[in-house]
Amino acid sequence: MRNIILPFILLLTFVFSCTSNDIDEGLEQKTTSYNVYVAGSENNKASFWKNNVLNNLAGGDNLTAEKIIVENNNTYILGNSSGINPNYYFWKNNTREDLRVYLGIPTVSPYQILDMAIDNGDTYFIGYYDTFSPIAPLRYEFCIWKNGVKTILNTSNDIIYRTSKINIFNHQTYVSALTNNISSGFQSGYYVGTTFHSIPGISWVCNFSQNSTGINFLYVKNGFFHYRDLTTNIETLVSNNNYPNLLEGKIISETNSSDLYIAGYLHLGNSYFKNNIQTAFPIDPTYSRIKDMFVLDNNLYTIKHQTSPYSSKIYINNVETQNITNASTSTNNTFNSIYVVQN
């Protein structure tokens, strides 16, 4: 009997051991962690936070970080100084570049860097600068720089590019723009690479996002937010809320979901649109402005601002996870941009 029981016990031990290992492996497969990156400033220094841990950026005194992107464990940050004619800076893994120098913009030329994108380690910036050309239509060059190499997209005698944005899908650049030139006059639309696609009637341009249905372009037309599916060319009215804040409109999505989120910093205030349904943010109504949003694996990451006293908070699925407040008017403590990657 003993000879029969012993092999049976050994068999049970093996089964329970395998079952336990399977459970543990299953839990490991289902447990996903995320790294949350936030860019802004702390005590008048350009800074970023990784999972609530503060990192002051090199040479960041009296600067603020405006946008953060993380790719392949590399951290890219776009920042600037304050004032009418700010200077712009770029950090990769906390090594700073002066963008006027890095992009070859003449020292005397007023300029503005409007946006940044990263694609497989390549850095892209869009912006414009004053060439002081005596030929009026050639005065302002609207450009895209890839790894510091300039391509001119358009020239104009006026600054009309202020809200242009850049996104990259399948290694192709998409740039929103209002243009004006001798041959075609004023036009509104977007560039794919260097080819311009006109969409008449746009008064202000925003950004692009990609979801499971295609690439979507957000803009203002007749005083209302609209977005266009660039695959089907179908235009959708977001809502009948008139006069949105033009500078802060943003469309957000993820590639494996059909959901679309739209936020507008001033006009929409404490609400956002999800699939064209206006949704009020359910907590902290005094933090009345949604500054930035990010969505990953159906989790929503949000930055909200309060104006008096000026403060910022981070939320993950409506749960506060981080905050910062200005102790006095002499400090500049703020969260401006959020980016999340799976760990």
Protein backbone atom coordinates (compact mmCIF):
# COMPACT_ATOMS: atom_id res chain seq x y z
CA MET A 1 0.00 0.00 0.00
CA ARG A 2 2.85 2.35 0.88
CA ASN A 3 4.31 1.82 -2.58
CA ILE A 4 0.97 2.89 -4.13
CA ILE A 5 0.39 5.97 -1.91
CA LEU A 6 3.84 7.49 -2.39
CA PRO A 7 3.60 7.81 -6.19
CA PHE A 8 0.07 9.24 -5.74
CA ILE A 9 1.33 11.92 -3.34
CA LEU A 10 4.14 12.77 -5.72
CA LEU A 11 1.61 13.07 -8.55
CA LEU A 12 -0.60 15.42 -6.50
CA THR A 13 2.45 17.52 -5.60
CA PHE A 14 3.33 17.83 -9.28
CA VAL A 15 -0.25 18.79 -10.24
CA PHE A 16 -0.55 21.45 -7.52
CA SER A 17 2.89 22.76 -8.37
CA CYS A 18 1.97 23.10 -12.05
CA THR A 19 -1.39 24.64 -11.18
CA SER A 20 0.27 27.17 -8.87
CA ASN A 21 2.83 28.06 -11.51
CA ASP A 22 0.08 28.47 -14.11
CA ILE A 23 -1.81 30.81 -11.78
CA ASP A 24 1.30 32.83 -11.04
CA GLU A 25 2.15 33.07 -14.73
CA GLY A 26 -1.43 34.10 -15.48
CA LEU A 27 -1.27 36.85 -12.88
CA GLU A 28 2.01 38.06 -14.30
CA GLN A 29 0.49 38.19 -17.77
CA LYS A 30 -2.55 40.13 -16.57
CA THR A 31 -0.67 42.57 -14.31
CA THR A 32 0.38 45.65 -16.29
CA SER A 33 2.18 48.64 -14.84
CA TYR A 34 2.59 52.07 -16.37
CA ASN A 35 5.09 54.89 -16.13
CA VAL A 36 3.44 58.31 -15.98
CA TYR A 37 5.54 61.25 -17.16
CA VAL A 38 4.52 64.87 -16.56
CA ALA A 39 6.28 68.01 -17.83
CA GLY A 40 6.02 71.50 -16.38
CA SER A 41 7.96 73.63 -13.93
CA GLU A 42 8.74 73.68 -10.23
CA ASN A 43 10.15 76.75 -8.45
CA ASN A 44 10.79 78.47 -11.79
CA LYS A 45 12.73 75.54 -13.19
CA ALA A 46 11.76 73.45 -16.19
CA SER A 47 11.03 70.01 -14.76
CA PHE A 48 9.49 66.64 -15.33
CA TRP A 49 8.08 64.02 -13.02
CA LYS A 50 8.25 60.26 -13.52
CA ASN A 51 5.71 58.49 -11.34
CA ASN A 52 5.53 61.58 -9.07
CA VAL A 53 9.33 61.82 -8.67
CA LEU A 54 10.66 65.29 -9.53
CA ASN A 55 13.52 65.79 -12.01
CA ASN A 56 14.79 69.32 -12.63
CA LEU A 57 16.03 69.77 -16.19
CA ALA A 58 19.61 70.83 -16.88
CA GLY A 59 19.85 74.56 -17.59
CA GLY A 60 16.14 74.90 -16.86
CA ASP A 61 16.18 77.99 -14.64
CA ASN A 62 13.38 80.44 -15.52
CA LEU A 63 12.09 78.05 -18.19
CA THR A 64 9.04 75.81 -18.38
CA ALA A 65 8.61 72.41 -20.00
CA GLU A 66 5.62 72.45 -22.36
CA LYS A 67 5.58 69.00 -23.98
CA ILE A 68 6.96 65.58 -23.12
CA ILE A 69 7.26 62.44 -25.27
CA VAL A 70 8.79 59.12 -24.21
CA GLU A 71 9.97 56.59 -26.78
CA ASN A 72 12.19 53.53 -26.31
CA ASN A 73 13.14 54.64 -22.78
CA ASN A 74 14.27 58.04 -24.08
CA THR A 75 12.66 61.19 -22.71
CA TYR A 76 12.15 64.17 -25.06
CA ILE A 77 10.98 67.54 -23.75
CA LEU A 78 10.19 70.84 -25.48
CA GLY A 79 10.39 73.98 -23.35
CA ASN A 80 10.66 77.72 -23.55
CA SER A 81 11.14 80.97 -21.69
CA SER A 82 8.35 83.42 -20.97
CA GLY A 83 7.67 86.72 -22.71
CA ILE A 84 6.60 88.06 -26.08
CA ASN A 85 9.57 86.58 -27.98
CA PRO A 86 10.51 83.45 -26.02
CA ASN A 87 13.53 81.27 -26.58
CA TYR A 88 12.98 77.55 -27.13
CA TYR A 89 14.87 74.56 -25.79
CA PHE A 90 14.88 70.81 -26.24
CA TRP A 91 16.04 68.13 -23.84
CA LYS A 92 16.79 64.51 -24.69
CA ASN A 93 17.45 62.52 -21.55
CA ASN A 94 18.17 65.81 -19.74
CA THR A 95 20.76 67.06 -22.24
CA ARG A 96 19.70 70.53 -23.38
CA GLU A 97 19.82 72.01 -26.87
CA ASP A 98 19.16 75.66 -27.69
CA LEU A 99 16.73 75.28 -30.60
CA ARG A 100 17.75 78.53 -32.28
CA VAL A 101 21.27 77.11 -32.59
CA TYR A 102 20.24 73.48 -33.19
CA LEU A 103 17.85 74.45 -36.00
CA GLY A 104 20.12 77.07 -37.55
CA ILE A 105 17.75 80.02 -37.07
CA PRO A 106 19.57 83.36 -37.48
CA THR A 107 20.35 85.13 -34.22
CA VAL A 108 18.42 88.30 -35.10
CA SER A 109 15.29 86.55 -36.38
CA PRO A 110 12.13 86.41 -34.25
CA TYR A 111 10.87 82.84 -34.33
CA GLN A 112 8.39 80.45 -32.78
CA ILE A 113 8.60 76.68 -32.34
CA LEU A 114 5.05 75.40 -32.42
CA ASP A 115 5.29 71.67 -31.80
CA MET A 116 7.51 68.61 -31.53
CA ALA A 117 7.18 64.97 -32.58
CA ILE A 118 9.40 61.91 -32.25
CA ASP A 119 9.54 58.94 -34.59
CA ASN A 120 11.92 56.03 -34.04
CA GLY A 121 14.52 58.34 -32.51
CA ASP A 122 14.17 61.05 -35.17
CA THR A 123 13.22 64.48 -33.82
CA TYR A 124 10.80 66.76 -35.65
CA PHE A 125 9.97 70.40 -34.94
CA ILE A 126 7.66 72.77 -36.76
CA GLY A 127 7.67 76.55 -36.54
CA TYR A 128 8.39 79.75 -38.41
CA TYR A 129 10.88 82.60 -38.37
CA ASP A 130 11.33 86.04 -39.86
CA THR A 131 13.80 86.05 -42.76
CA PHE A 132 13.52 89.86 -43.17
CA SER A 133 13.24 89.24 -46.91
CA PRO A 134 12.48 92.44 -48.86
CA ILE A 135 10.10 90.34 -50.97
CA ALA A 136 6.99 90.44 -48.79
CA PRO A 137 5.51 86.99 -49.59
CA LEU A 138 8.84 85.36 -48.68
CA ARG A 139 9.31 87.04 -45.33
CA TYR A 140 8.10 84.32 -42.94
CA GLU A 141 9.22 80.76 -43.54
CA PHE A 142 7.05 78.00 -42.15
CA CYS A 143 9.32 74.99 -41.72
CA ILE A 144 9.65 71.44 -40.54
CA TRP A 145 13.01 70.33 -39.15
CA LYS A 146 13.98 66.65 -39.02
CA ASN A 147 17.04 66.09 -36.83
CA GLY A 148 17.90 69.76 -37.36
CA VAL A 149 17.58 69.70 -41.18
CA LYS A 150 15.09 72.26 -42.48
CA THR A 151 12.39 71.83 -45.11
CA ILE A 152 10.31 74.89 -46.01
CA LEU A 153 6.61 74.09 -46.19
CA ASN A 154 5.33 77.59 -47.01
CA THR A 155 6.24 81.28 -47.02
CA SER A 156 4.01 84.25 -46.24
CA ASN A 157 4.05 87.98 -45.57
CA ASP A 158 2.19 87.47 -42.28
CA ILE A 159 2.40 85.23 -39.22
CA ILE A 160 -0.52 82.85 -39.73
CA TYR A 161 0.96 79.59 -38.44
CA ARG A 162 0.55 80.07 -34.70
CA THR A 163 -1.46 76.92 -33.85
CA SER A 164 0.01 74.41 -36.30
CA LYS A 165 0.64 70.95 -34.85
CA ILE A 166 2.61 67.91 -35.99
CA ASN A 167 1.85 64.22 -35.56
CA ILE A 168 3.49 61.19 -37.17
CA PHE A 169 1.70 58.03 -38.29
CA ASN A 170 3.44 55.12 -40.03
CA HIS A 171 6.60 57.27 -40.30
CA GLN A 172 4.72 59.96 -42.23
CA THR A 173 4.42 63.53 -40.95
CA TYR A 174 1.06 65.31 -40.69
CA VAL A 175 1.13 69.07 -40.10
CA SER A 176 -1.93 71.28 -39.68
CA ALA A 177 -1.67 74.75 -41.18
CA LEU A 178 -3.23 77.93 -42.45
CA THR A 179 -1.24 79.10 -45.48
CA ASN A 180 -1.03 82.14 -47.71
CA ASN A 181 1.03 82.47 -50.87
CA ILE A 182 1.09 84.27 -54.21
CA SER A 183 -0.26 81.47 -56.37
CA SER A 184 -3.11 80.12 -54.25
CA GLY A 185 -3.86 82.83 -51.68
CA PHE A 186 -5.23 81.92 -48.25
CA GLN A 187 -5.83 78.21 -47.69
CA SER A 188 -6.55 76.00 -44.71
CA GLY A 189 -5.82 72.31 -44.29
CA TYR A 190 -2.88 70.04 -43.61
CA TYR A 191 0.38 68.71 -45.02
CA VAL A 192 1.20 65.04 -45.46
CA GLY A 193 4.94 65.23 -45.90
CA THR A 194 5.32 68.36 -48.02
CA THR A 195 2.03 67.94 -49.94
CA PHE A 196 -0.73 70.31 -48.87
CA HIS A 197 -4.35 69.14 -48.66
CA SER A 198 -6.89 71.94 -48.61
CA ILE A 199 -10.01 71.93 -46.43
CA PRO A 200 -11.93 75.17 -47.09
CA GLY A 201 -13.51 77.17 -44.30
CA ILE A 202 -11.19 76.34 -41.41
CA SER A 203 -10.49 79.32 -39.17
CA TRP A 204 -8.07 77.59 -36.78
CA VAL A 205 -6.19 74.30 -36.84
CA CYS A 206 -5.49 71.82 -34.08
CA ASN A 207 -3.85 68.39 -34.00
CA PHE A 208 -4.28 64.85 -35.33
CA SER A 209 -4.85 61.51 -33.62
CA GLN A 210 -5.20 57.94 -34.82
CA ASN A 211 -7.76 55.42 -33.60
CA SER A 212 -8.99 52.09 -34.98
CA THR A 213 -11.05 53.81 -37.69
CA GLY A 214 -8.30 56.03 -39.08
CA ILE A 215 -6.46 59.34 -38.70
CA ASN A 216 -8.59 62.22 -37.42
CA PHE A 217 -7.88 65.95 -37.78
CA LEU A 218 -9.39 68.49 -35.35
CA TYR A 219 -10.08 72.08 -36.36
CA VAL A 220 -12.42 75.04 -35.88
CA LYS A 221 -14.92 75.86 -38.60
CA ASN A 222 -17.72 78.44 -38.35
CA GLY A 223 -16.87 78.83 -34.67
CA PHE A 224 -17.33 75.13 -33.86
CA PHE A 225 -15.00 72.20 -33.30
CA HIS A 226 -15.05 69.65 -36.13
CA TYR A 227 -12.91 66.65 -36.88
CA ARG A 228 -12.34 64.91 -40.19
CA ASP A 229 -11.51 61.25 -40.77
CA LEU A 230 -8.73 61.55 -43.33
CA THR A 231 -9.37 58.04 -44.64
CA THR A 232 -13.05 58.54 -45.45
CA ASN A 233 -12.92 62.36 -45.65
CA ILE A 234 -16.05 62.49 -43.47
CA GLU A 235 -16.35 65.64 -41.37
CA THR A 236 -18.06 65.45 -37.96
CA LEU A 237 -19.36 68.33 -35.86
CA VAL A 238 -18.20 67.82 -32.27
CA SER A 239 -20.86 69.99 -30.66
CA ASN A 240 -22.75 73.24 -31.05
CA ASN A 241 -20.63 74.96 -28.39
CA ASN A 242 -19.59 78.11 -30.17
CA TYR A 243 -16.30 80.05 -29.99
CA PRO A 244 -14.01 77.41 -28.53
CA ASN A 245 -10.60 78.45 -27.31
CA LEU A 246 -8.59 78.07 -30.46
CA LEU A 247 -5.15 77.50 -29.02
CA GLU A 248 -6.05 74.66 -26.70
CA GLY A 249 -8.21 72.29 -28.73
CA LYS A 250 -6.83 68.76 -28.71
CA ILE A 251 -8.06 65.41 -30.04
CA ILE A 252 -6.88 62.28 -28.18
CA SER A 253 -7.21 58.57 -28.98
CA GLU A 254 -5.37 55.26 -29.09
CA THR A 255 -4.87 53.09 -32.13
CA ASN A 256 -6.66 49.97 -30.88
CA SER A 257 -9.88 51.72 -29.86
CA SER A 258 -12.60 53.56 -31.74
CA ASP A 259 -13.01 56.13 -28.95
CA LEU A 260 -12.20 59.80 -29.55
CA TYR A 261 -11.66 62.39 -26.82
CA ILE A 262 -11.62 66.16 -27.37
CA ALA A 263 -10.60 68.76 -24.81
CA GLY A 264 -10.50 72.55 -24.99
CA TYR A 265 -8.58 74.37 -22.27
CA LEU A 266 -10.61 77.56 -21.86
CA HIS A 267 -13.86 77.14 -23.73
CA LEU A 268 -14.78 73.63 -22.64
CA GLY A 269 -13.50 74.23 -19.13
CA ASN A 270 -14.19 71.36 -16.76
CA SER A 271 -15.56 69.06 -19.45
CA TYR A 272 -14.43 67.08 -22.46
CA PHE A 273 -16.07 65.18 -25.27
CA LYS A 274 -15.92 61.42 -25.58
CA ASN A 275 -17.37 60.26 -28.91
CA ASN A 276 -19.12 63.64 -29.24
CA ILE A 277 -20.85 63.33 -25.86
CA GLN A 278 -19.93 66.14 -23.49
CA THR A 279 -18.68 64.79 -20.17
CA ALA A 280 -18.16 66.92 -17.06
CA PHE A 281 -15.11 66.01 -15.02
CA PRO A 282 -16.71 64.68 -11.83
CA ILE A 283 -14.35 66.00 -9.12
CA ASP A 284 -12.54 69.21 -8.19
CA PRO A 285 -14.74 71.68 -10.10
CA THR A 286 -12.53 74.60 -9.00
CA TYR A 287 -9.82 73.01 -11.16
CA SER A 288 -11.88 74.22 -14.05
CA ARG A 289 -9.54 73.87 -17.02
CA ILE A 290 -8.39 70.62 -18.61
CA LYS A 291 -4.83 71.29 -19.75
CA ASP A 292 -3.88 67.92 -21.24
CA MET A 293 -5.18 64.37 -21.61
CA PHE A 294 -3.68 61.01 -22.53
CA VAL A 295 -5.39 57.66 -23.03
CA LEU A 296 -3.76 54.24 -22.89
CA ASP A 297 -5.42 50.82 -22.49
CA ASN A 298 -8.74 52.60 -21.87
CA ASN A 299 -7.27 54.46 -18.90
CA LEU A 300 -7.65 58.25 -18.96
CA TYR A 301 -4.85 60.48 -17.64
CA THR A 302 -5.73 64.15 -17.15
CA ILE A 303 -4.07 67.42 -16.12
CA LYS A 304 -6.39 70.08 -14.69
CA HIS A 305 -5.62 73.66 -13.69
CA GLN A 306 -7.07 75.94 -11.06
CA THR A 307 -6.65 79.66 -11.68
CA SER A 308 -6.82 81.09 -8.14
CA PRO A 309 -4.54 80.16 -6.52
CA TYR A 310 -2.87 78.83 -9.64
CA SER A 311 -2.49 75.07 -9.15
CA SER A 312 -2.35 71.83 -11.12
CA LYS A 313 -3.51 68.27 -10.48
CA ILE A 314 -3.01 64.91 -12.16
CA TYR A 315 -5.82 62.36 -12.32
CA ILE A 316 -5.90 58.75 -13.42
CA ASN A 317 -9.48 57.71 -14.20
CA ASN A 318 -10.83 60.57 -12.08
CA VAL A 319 -8.62 59.73 -9.08
CA GLU A 320 -6.16 62.44 -8.02
CA THR A 321 -2.58 61.18 -7.99
CA GLN A 322 -0.42 64.33 -7.92
CA ASN A 323 -0.73 68.08 -7.32
CA ILE A 324 1.33 71.24 -7.28
CA THR A 325 0.47 74.76 -6.04
CA ASN A 326 2.07 78.19 -6.34
CA ALA A 327 2.94 79.43 -2.88
CA SER A 328 3.32 82.99 -4.21
CA THR A 329 3.13 84.97 -7.43
CA SER A 330 6.93 84.73 -7.78
CA THR A 331 6.88 80.97 -8.39
CA ASN A 332 5.91 79.10 -11.52
CA ASN A 333 4.69 75.68 -10.46
CA THR A 334 2.64 73.93 -13.11
CA PHE A 335 1.93 70.68 -14.93
CA ASN A 336 1.60 71.16 -18.70
CA SER A 337 1.95 67.85 -20.54
CA ILE A 338 1.39 64.18 -19.75
CA TYR A 339 2.64 61.02 -21.45
CA VAL A 340 2.21 57.40 -20.38
CA VAL A 341 4.04 54.23 -21.41
CA GLN A 342 3.53 50.63 -20.45
CA ASN A 343 6.32 49.41 -18.21
